[in-house]
Structures are given as structure tokens and as C-alpha cells.
Amino acid sequence: MRKVLFFVVVLLTVALAAQVFASEKPRLGVLRFTNDTNAGWWKASVGRDLQDMLISELASTKAFRVLERKEIDAVLGEQDLGASGRVDKATKAKIGKIKGAQYLVAATVSAYEENTSGTGGGIGIAGFSIGGKKEKAYIAVDLKVIDTTTGEIYDARTVEANSASSALNLGGHVGVFSGGLSQYSKTPTGKAIRACIIEISEYLKCSMVKGKDDSCMEEYAAKESKRRENTKKSIELE
């Protein structure tokens, strides 16, 4: 009887551990963005700016545990201070408690286009440009999710976004963007970038948290099919 109870306890413990593991939020690390285009807005700091934007967007979904690599030195410093004996043992940061990333998110800007049409003739008022021209921007980002244990590509997807402005165009140097992107916050370029970042975070939430069989994946499968079809049409075959 005791053996039976022992095995029951073991099975329940294993089942509970598996349930806890399955319900744990995926731990992500986000790498700096890279660029394969000739986009004029891409400068030295933009890769870091886009990395920060995606980190914030992923964290806001509450679906992931996002590791902030830039702050890791501060965390290690706090742990070293605790180990020095100068901090109360009850409150000191414990060494060896930093969580590692299960997956790394890598992103490359693979396509960017912008078009301007109309007569223009904008005027400047208080730092904003007001004009009658129409502007459009398109951006595509190649996304890869890498399993840090095996080094294999866990998932890959090309994410696209479009944005346009017409009639009244307010392009001031203010907004949520920072660094090299700050001047584009109110432009079609900035809107397309922001839309692409949001689309990436929503896709990852769908594919990694909700699961491959969730209905949201049908939407992304349709988008991917449309993207591939449009790409084929843009290629001129002899």
C-alpha cells in the first residue's frame, strides 16, 4: 500500500511540475536589429532603438518574460555588492538567480520603400511641416526565433507594414521615438516602423504562447500567402 501511495505521489509531483513548466511564460532575449536596405533613416543607433522598441512592445503584452541584457551589468553589480557582506543578508540579491533566455529574437530590415507624390509646397510652423503632398512608406522585417539550447531556428517569418499620409502632413520632431528615429515619429516612415514592431510582437504572442493550432495563426498564414504571391508577381520572369 505504501508503495502504491509513493508512486501516486511521484506521478502527481511530475504532473504538477510539467504543468508549471508548460504554463511558464517563454523567456526571450532580443538582439539588436540589422539592416539590408539603403533606407536613409538607418543610422548607427537605429538598430539599438528598434531593439528597445521591440523589448518594450513584447513586455507590454504580458505574454513573455523579456530579459533586458543592457541592464545585466547593473544586476551583476548588485549581486556582487550583496556577496561582499556590506548588505543585510535578508535583503541582498542572491547570486545564481538570473534567468537565461530560452529563445533569442533576431530581426533584419530586409525591404524599405517610400514614395512622395503631389505638388508639395509645404510651409513650416512651430517646428512642423504642413504640405499637400502624399507620402507612403513600406517596410519588411525578416524575423527569426532561435532556440538557445539547440541553436536551431524555432520560427521564422517576414513581417510587413504600410503607412501613408495625405492632405495635412504633420512631421514634427516629437513623439515616442528616440535616438536616430526621433525625427520620424509623426511621418509615414515612423508609422510603418511602429506598425511593424507591433505586428512582430502580436505574431510572436500568437505563435509562441497561444500555440500553432490557435485560430490567430490562420490570419498570419493568410498574410504569408498573400506576401508570397505579391513577391512572385513583382519578379519578372523571361
Foldseek 3Di string as FASTA:
>chain_A
DVVVVVVVVVVVVVVVVVVVVLQDAAEEEEDFEAEDDPDPLDDDCVSVLLSVLLLVLLVVVVRHRYDDPVCVVVVVVQQVVQVVVPDPVVPGDHPPPDDDHQKYKYKYWYDKDKDKDDDWPWDDDPQWTWTAIKMKMKTKMWMFIAGPVPRDTPDIDIFMFMFMDGHTQTQGQPDDGDDSCSSRCRPRVNVRSSVRSNVVSVVCCCPPPVHPPDPVVVVVVVVRVVVVVVVVVVDDDD
